[in-house]
N, C-alpha and C. Protein backbone atom coordinates (compact mmCIF):
# COMPACT_ATOMS: atom_id res chain seq x y z
N MET A 1 1.70 -97.52 112.87
CA MET A 1 3.21 -97.63 112.22
C MET A 1 3.89 -98.44 112.78
N LEU A 2 4.57 -98.82 111.72
CA LEU A 2 5.03 -100.56 111.98
C LEU A 2 6.62 -99.97 113.23
N LYS A 3 7.54 -101.05 113.41
CA LYS A 3 8.29 -100.77 114.80
C LYS A 3 9.66 -100.56 113.53
N ASN A 4 11.10 -99.72 113.52
CA ASN A 4 11.54 -99.01 112.76
C ASN A 4 11.66 -98.69 111.39
N GLN A 5 9.72 -97.96 111.53
CA GLN A 5 9.62 -97.18 110.13
C GLN A 5 10.33 -96.49 110.11
N LYS A 6 10.72 -95.82 108.83
CA LYS A 6 11.27 -94.13 109.10
C LYS A 6 10.32 -93.32 108.61
N ILE A 7 10.40 -91.39 108.95
CA ILE A 7 9.50 -91.30 108.60
C ILE A 7 10.16 -90.00 107.49
N TRP A 8 10.03 -89.36 106.83
CA TRP A 8 11.15 -88.24 106.33
C TRP A 8 10.34 -86.95 106.32
N VAL A 9 10.73 -86.05 107.25
CA VAL A 9 9.63 -84.60 107.07
C VAL A 9 10.32 -83.72 106.25
N PRO A 10 10.15 -82.83 105.15
CA PRO A 10 10.37 -81.95 105.01
C PRO A 10 10.99 -80.43 105.51
N SER A 11 11.88 -79.76 105.75
CA SER A 11 12.04 -78.46 106.96
C SER A 11 12.51 -77.16 106.02
N ALA A 12 11.74 -76.49 105.95
CA ALA A 12 11.86 -75.08 105.09
C ALA A 12 13.21 -74.59 105.52
N ALA A 13 14.52 -74.36 104.91
CA ALA A 13 15.50 -73.98 105.27
C ALA A 13 15.62 -72.88 104.37
N GLN A 14 16.65 -72.02 104.53
CA GLN A 14 17.29 -70.30 104.06
C GLN A 14 17.30 -70.88 102.15
N LYS A 15 16.68 -69.66 102.09
CA LYS A 15 16.94 -69.78 100.13
C LYS A 15 16.09 -70.59 99.84
N ASP A 16 14.47 -70.65 100.61
CA ASP A 16 14.10 -71.73 99.75
C ASP A 16 14.32 -73.40 99.62
N ASN A 17 15.19 -73.46 99.98
CA ASN A 17 15.89 -74.65 100.03
C ASN A 17 15.26 -76.08 101.23
N MET A 18 14.95 -77.07 100.45
CA MET A 18 14.16 -77.71 101.39
C MET A 18 15.62 -79.01 101.22
N ARG A 19 15.17 -79.17 102.77
CA ARG A 19 15.91 -80.05 103.54
C ARG A 19 14.88 -81.26 104.37
N LEU A 20 15.47 -82.71 104.26
CA LEU A 20 14.83 -83.56 104.84
C LEU A 20 15.43 -84.07 106.14
N PHE A 21 14.50 -84.53 106.83
CA PHE A 21 15.05 -85.05 108.51
C PHE A 21 14.39 -86.28 108.49
N GLU A 22 15.56 -87.11 109.33
CA GLU A 22 15.35 -88.76 109.24
C GLU A 22 14.55 -88.73 110.86
N PHE A 23 13.18 -89.28 111.33
CA PHE A 23 13.10 -89.53 112.06
C PHE A 23 12.76 -90.84 112.59
N ASP A 24 12.94 -91.79 113.61
CA ASP A 24 12.63 -92.88 113.62
C ASP A 24 11.42 -93.06 114.52
N THR A 25 10.49 -93.36 114.20
CA THR A 25 8.90 -93.69 114.15
C THR A 25 8.38 -92.39 115.94
N SER A 26 8.88 -91.43 115.81
CA SER A 26 8.16 -91.17 117.17
C SER A 26 7.38 -89.26 115.98
N PRO A 27 5.98 -90.05 116.52
CA PRO A 27 5.19 -88.93 115.28
C PRO A 27 4.61 -87.47 116.96
N LEU A 28 5.71 -87.78 117.94
CA LEU A 28 5.24 -86.85 118.72
C LEU A 28 6.34 -85.71 118.05
N LEU A 29 7.60 -86.29 118.08
CA LEU A 29 8.59 -85.42 117.71
C LEU A 29 8.40 -84.96 115.88
N VAL A 30 8.24 -85.26 115.17
CA VAL A 30 7.81 -85.38 113.90
C VAL A 30 6.03 -84.04 114.01
N GLY A 31 5.62 -84.69 115.08
CA GLY A 31 4.13 -83.58 115.06
C GLY A 31 5.03 -81.65 115.76
N LEU A 32 5.91 -82.16 116.55
CA LEU A 32 6.67 -80.91 117.41
C LEU A 32 7.52 -80.30 116.60
N VAL A 33 7.94 -80.92 115.89
CA VAL A 33 9.04 -80.24 113.96
C VAL A 33 8.66 -79.61 113.36
N ALA A 34 7.47 -80.36 113.06
CA ALA A 34 6.75 -80.02 111.54
C ALA A 34 5.96 -78.45 112.65
N THR A 35 5.52 -78.49 113.46
CA THR A 35 4.54 -77.19 114.03
C THR A 35 5.73 -75.79 114.96
N THR A 36 6.86 -76.54 114.91
CA THR A 36 7.97 -75.36 115.69
C THR A 36 8.47 -74.80 114.02
N SER A 37 8.55 -75.48 113.06
CA SER A 37 8.71 -75.06 111.41
C SER A 37 7.39 -74.30 110.97
N GLN A 38 6.18 -74.86 111.20
CA GLN A 38 5.28 -73.70 111.27
C GLN A 38 5.38 -72.06 111.91
N LEU A 39 5.25 -72.56 113.47
CA LEU A 39 5.48 -71.28 113.67
C LEU A 39 6.46 -70.30 113.19
N LYS A 40 7.91 -70.98 113.00
CA LYS A 40 8.71 -69.99 112.72
C LYS A 40 8.82 -69.63 111.52
N SER A 41 8.22 -69.76 110.34
CA SER A 41 7.76 -69.36 109.45
C SER A 41 6.80 -68.44 109.30
N GLU A 42 5.79 -68.64 109.96
CA GLU A 42 5.27 -67.56 110.49
C GLU A 42 5.64 -66.30 111.43
N ILE A 43 6.67 -66.40 112.02
CA ILE A 43 7.46 -65.70 112.81
C ILE A 43 8.20 -64.24 112.04
N ASP A 44 8.95 -65.89 111.23
CA ASP A 44 9.93 -64.64 109.56
C ASP A 44 8.82 -64.32 109.19
N SER A 45 7.77 -64.35 108.39
CA SER A 45 6.94 -63.65 107.41
C SER A 45 5.75 -62.45 108.13
N GLY A 46 6.29 -62.42 109.76
CA GLY A 46 5.69 -60.90 110.59
C GLY A 46 4.15 -61.34 110.31
N LYS A 47 3.50 -62.97 110.32
CA LYS A 47 2.12 -63.13 110.85
C LYS A 47 1.62 -62.95 112.11
N VAL A 48 2.77 -63.72 113.46
CA VAL A 48 2.87 -63.42 114.36
C VAL A 48 3.77 -63.52 115.22
N LYS A 49 3.38 -62.61 116.36
CA LYS A 49 4.44 -61.72 117.20
C LYS A 49 5.99 -62.57 117.61
N PRO A 50 6.97 -62.03 117.35
CA PRO A 50 8.79 -62.93 117.36
C PRO A 50 8.95 -63.16 118.73
N ASP A 51 8.45 -62.60 119.43
CA ASP A 51 8.66 -62.79 120.92
C ASP A 51 7.72 -63.90 121.87
N TRP A 52 8.09 -64.47 122.02
CA TRP A 52 7.63 -65.70 122.51
C TRP A 52 7.45 -66.33 124.22
N THR A 53 7.17 -66.69 125.12
CA THR A 53 7.56 -67.11 126.10
C THR A 53 7.51 -68.74 126.45
N VAL A 54 8.28 -69.53 127.18
CA VAL A 54 7.97 -70.66 127.32
C VAL A 54 6.93 -71.08 127.61
N PRO A 55 5.64 -70.92 128.58
CA PRO A 55 4.49 -71.51 128.79
C PRO A 55 3.89 -70.65 127.28
N GLU A 56 3.79 -69.81 126.59
CA GLU A 56 2.75 -69.65 124.97
C GLU A 56 3.42 -70.36 124.56
N LEU A 57 4.84 -70.87 124.08
CA LEU A 57 4.98 -72.02 123.50
C LEU A 57 4.56 -73.30 123.71
N LEU A 58 5.03 -73.58 124.64
CA LEU A 58 3.99 -74.51 125.59
C LEU A 58 2.69 -74.71 125.24
N GLN A 59 1.69 -73.71 125.80
CA GLN A 59 0.28 -73.69 125.32
C GLN A 59 0.43 -73.83 123.45
N TYR A 60 1.04 -73.25 122.38
CA TYR A 60 0.84 -73.15 121.47
C TYR A 60 0.64 -74.43 120.98
N TYR A 61 1.69 -75.47 121.43
CA TYR A 61 2.19 -76.72 120.83
C TYR A 61 0.72 -77.67 121.86
N ARG A 62 0.48 -77.11 122.76
CA ARG A 62 -0.95 -78.08 123.23
C ARG A 62 -2.07 -77.66 122.59
N ASP A 63 -2.25 -76.57 121.80
CA ASP A 63 -2.96 -75.90 121.23
C ASP A 63 -2.66 -77.13 119.95
N ASN A 64 -1.92 -77.32 119.20
CA ASN A 64 -1.66 -78.08 118.18
C ASN A 64 -1.52 -80.01 118.46
N ASP A 65 -2.20 -80.30 119.33
CA ASP A 65 -1.95 -81.73 120.26
C ASP A 65 -0.80 -82.30 120.50
N ILE A 66 -0.13 -81.63 120.96
CA ILE A 66 1.36 -82.13 121.51
C ILE A 66 1.80 -81.68 122.84
N ILE A 67 1.54 -81.97 123.27
CA ILE A 67 2.14 -82.03 124.70
C ILE A 67 3.44 -82.75 124.98
N ILE A 68 4.05 -81.34 125.30
CA ILE A 68 5.55 -81.87 126.17
C ILE A 68 5.53 -80.81 127.64
N ASP A 69 6.56 -80.98 128.02
CA ASP A 69 6.77 -80.10 129.98
C ASP A 69 7.41 -79.15 129.49
N LYS A 70 7.60 -78.41 130.66
CA LYS A 70 9.48 -77.76 130.19
C LYS A 70 10.21 -78.37 130.02
N SER A 71 10.55 -79.33 131.04
CA SER A 71 11.99 -80.14 130.81
C SER A 71 11.68 -80.54 129.66
N ASP A 72 11.36 -81.50 129.29
CA ASP A 72 11.39 -81.96 127.50
C ASP A 72 11.69 -80.68 126.87
N LEU A 73 11.13 -79.48 126.69
CA LEU A 73 12.00 -78.79 125.94
C LEU A 73 12.96 -78.51 126.40
N TYR A 74 13.27 -78.00 127.06
CA TYR A 74 14.30 -77.77 127.42
C TYR A 74 15.46 -78.75 126.84
N ASN A 75 15.59 -80.16 127.22
CA ASN A 75 15.98 -81.32 126.46
C ASN A 75 16.62 -81.40 124.89
N MET A 76 14.97 -80.74 124.55
CA MET A 76 14.40 -81.33 123.00
C MET A 76 15.68 -80.20 122.17
N ILE A 77 15.57 -78.86 122.46
CA ILE A 77 16.36 -78.50 122.15
C ILE A 77 17.69 -78.50 121.54
N LYS A 78 17.99 -78.88 122.44
CA LYS A 78 19.78 -79.53 122.75
C LYS A 78 20.23 -80.30 121.46
N ASN A 79 19.60 -80.86 120.46
CA ASN A 79 19.96 -82.11 119.88
C ASN A 79 18.75 -81.24 118.25
N PRO A 80 19.17 -82.17 116.97
CA PRO A 80 18.44 -81.79 116.25
C PRO A 80 17.07 -82.68 116.50
N PRO A 81 16.31 -82.68 115.50
CA PRO A 81 16.59 -81.30 114.20
C PRO A 81 15.43 -79.79 115.24
N LEU A 82 15.16 -80.15 116.32
CA LEU A 82 14.43 -78.83 117.05
C LEU A 82 15.97 -77.88 117.21
N ASN A 83 16.46 -78.29 117.46
CA ASN A 83 18.06 -77.10 117.66
C ASN A 83 18.04 -76.13 116.41
N LYS A 84 17.64 -76.68 115.35
CA LYS A 84 17.56 -75.77 113.87
C LYS A 84 16.58 -74.87 113.91
N TYR A 85 15.31 -74.55 114.97
CA TYR A 85 14.53 -73.92 115.14
C TYR A 85 14.79 -73.00 116.27
N ILE A 86 15.21 -73.68 117.01
CA ILE A 86 14.75 -72.66 118.90
C ILE A 86 16.86 -72.45 118.55
N THR A 87 17.14 -71.62 119.22
CA THR A 87 18.58 -71.23 120.19
C THR A 87 18.68 -71.57 121.12
N ASN A 88 17.93 -70.46 122.01
CA ASN A 88 17.83 -70.98 123.08
C ASN A 88 16.82 -70.56 124.00
N ILE A 89 16.57 -70.28 124.95
CA ILE A 89 15.88 -70.09 125.98
C ILE A 89 16.27 -69.87 127.24
N GLN A 90 16.34 -68.24 126.88
CA GLN A 90 16.94 -67.55 127.98
C GLN A 90 15.87 -66.95 129.38
N ALA A 91 15.80 -67.26 130.67
CA ALA A 91 15.26 -66.92 131.87
C ALA A 91 13.74 -67.37 131.30
N ASP A 92 12.46 -67.24 130.90
CA ASP A 92 11.40 -68.24 130.20
C ASP A 92 11.46 -67.28 128.70
N ASN A 93 12.28 -66.62 127.75
CA ASN A 93 12.02 -66.24 126.71
C ASN A 93 12.43 -66.69 125.49
N VAL A 94 11.75 -67.24 124.75
CA VAL A 94 12.22 -68.28 123.73
C VAL A 94 13.09 -67.91 122.33
N VAL A 95 14.03 -68.25 122.04
CA VAL A 95 15.02 -67.38 121.28
C VAL A 95 15.11 -68.22 120.30
N PHE A 96 14.48 -67.97 118.76
CA PHE A 96 14.71 -68.63 117.67
C PHE A 96 15.46 -68.21 117.16
N LYS A 97 15.93 -69.37 116.18
CA LYS A 97 17.02 -68.94 114.89
C LYS A 97 16.55 -67.52 114.02
N GLY A 98 17.75 -66.39 113.86
CA GLY A 98 17.93 -65.35 112.76
C GLY A 98 17.18 -64.71 114.44
N GLN A 99 17.03 -64.48 115.47
CA GLN A 99 16.44 -63.49 116.84
C GLN A 99 17.65 -63.18 117.48
N THR A 100 17.62 -61.90 118.05
CA THR A 100 19.13 -61.89 118.61
C THR A 100 18.25 -62.60 119.96
N GLU A 101 18.85 -62.61 121.00
CA GLU A 101 19.22 -63.34 122.48
C GLU A 101 17.71 -62.60 123.32
N GLY A 102 17.65 -61.40 122.64
CA GLY A 102 16.63 -60.34 123.43
C GLY A 102 15.36 -60.55 122.73
N GLY A 103 15.51 -62.00 122.26
CA GLY A 103 14.00 -62.01 121.83
C GLY A 103 13.64 -61.25 120.31
N GLU A 104 14.19 -60.15 120.22
CA GLU A 104 13.79 -59.45 118.72
C GLU A 104 14.75 -60.21 117.73
N GLN A 105 14.05 -59.54 116.52
CA GLN A 105 14.95 -60.47 114.77
C GLN A 105 15.86 -59.61 114.94
N ALA A 106 16.87 -60.27 114.30
CA ALA A 106 17.92 -59.69 113.62
C ALA A 106 18.12 -58.87 112.40
N PRO A 107 18.60 -57.78 112.77
CA PRO A 107 18.52 -56.55 111.56
C PRO A 107 18.33 -56.93 110.07
N ASP A 108 18.46 -57.91 110.06
CA ASP A 108 18.34 -58.26 108.60
C ASP A 108 16.61 -59.05 108.38
N GLU A 109 16.46 -59.65 109.41
CA GLU A 109 14.97 -59.85 109.85
C GLU A 109 14.06 -58.91 109.55
N ASN A 110 14.49 -58.19 110.11
CA ASN A 110 13.59 -57.06 110.58
C ASN A 110 13.15 -56.07 108.94
N LYS A 111 14.41 -55.58 108.28
CA LYS A 111 14.33 -55.34 106.60
C LYS A 111 13.50 -56.05 105.79
N LYS A 112 13.42 -57.57 106.21
CA LYS A 112 12.84 -58.39 105.53
C LYS A 112 11.45 -57.86 105.80
N VAL A 113 10.86 -58.33 107.04
CA VAL A 113 9.54 -57.80 107.00
C VAL A 113 9.04 -56.16 107.30
N VAL A 114 9.77 -55.53 107.21
CA VAL A 114 9.33 -54.26 106.72
C VAL A 114 9.27 -54.17 105.24
N GLN A 115 10.36 -54.63 104.17
CA GLN A 115 9.72 -55.40 103.00
C GLN A 115 8.26 -55.57 102.95
N GLN A 116 8.76 -56.91 103.31
CA GLN A 116 6.96 -57.46 103.31
C GLN A 116 5.45 -56.87 103.26
N MET A 117 5.98 -56.02 104.30
CA MET A 117 5.23 -54.97 104.75
C MET A 117 4.58 -54.02 104.09
N ALA A 118 5.64 -53.63 103.41
CA ALA A 118 5.31 -52.35 102.11
C ALA A 118 4.83 -52.92 100.79
N LYS A 119 5.65 -54.11 101.00
CA LYS A 119 5.17 -55.05 99.68
C LYS A 119 3.36 -54.83 99.24
N GLN A 120 2.72 -55.90 100.63
CA GLN A 120 1.36 -56.09 101.22
C GLN A 120 0.41 -54.69 100.85
N ALA A 121 1.32 -53.64 101.52
CA ALA A 121 0.34 -52.18 101.87
C ALA A 121 0.54 -51.73 100.15
N MET A 122 1.16 -52.25 99.37
CA MET A 122 0.93 -50.98 97.83
C MET A 122 0.27 -52.33 97.27
N LYS A 123 -0.34 -53.29 97.47
CA LYS A 123 -1.24 -54.23 96.79
C LYS A 123 -2.71 -53.26 96.65
């Protein structure tokens, strides 16, 4: 990759709108955001569990060839674009956007998941 080359990465936003984030030649950040976006999408659809601990999230990143440590994660969630996906880390629990501080999904998200599961069961 050339120096000062910019990479545009699509990000899934609410209501199926797409947004683009601009990254300055940081493959780690691009991969981290893409992996986090994918995980958030899987959480929202009910494919994976909604409650994640920091060690589980770091292992998920390692499984996707993204090597960061706990302090890096704490620093990165304070700034865009990662703060669009992760709201907070309380104790050792990761709080994703759309979840309550206790790690559970917000009531609207719970209804959405139940509706999706009902639709799948009816097929």
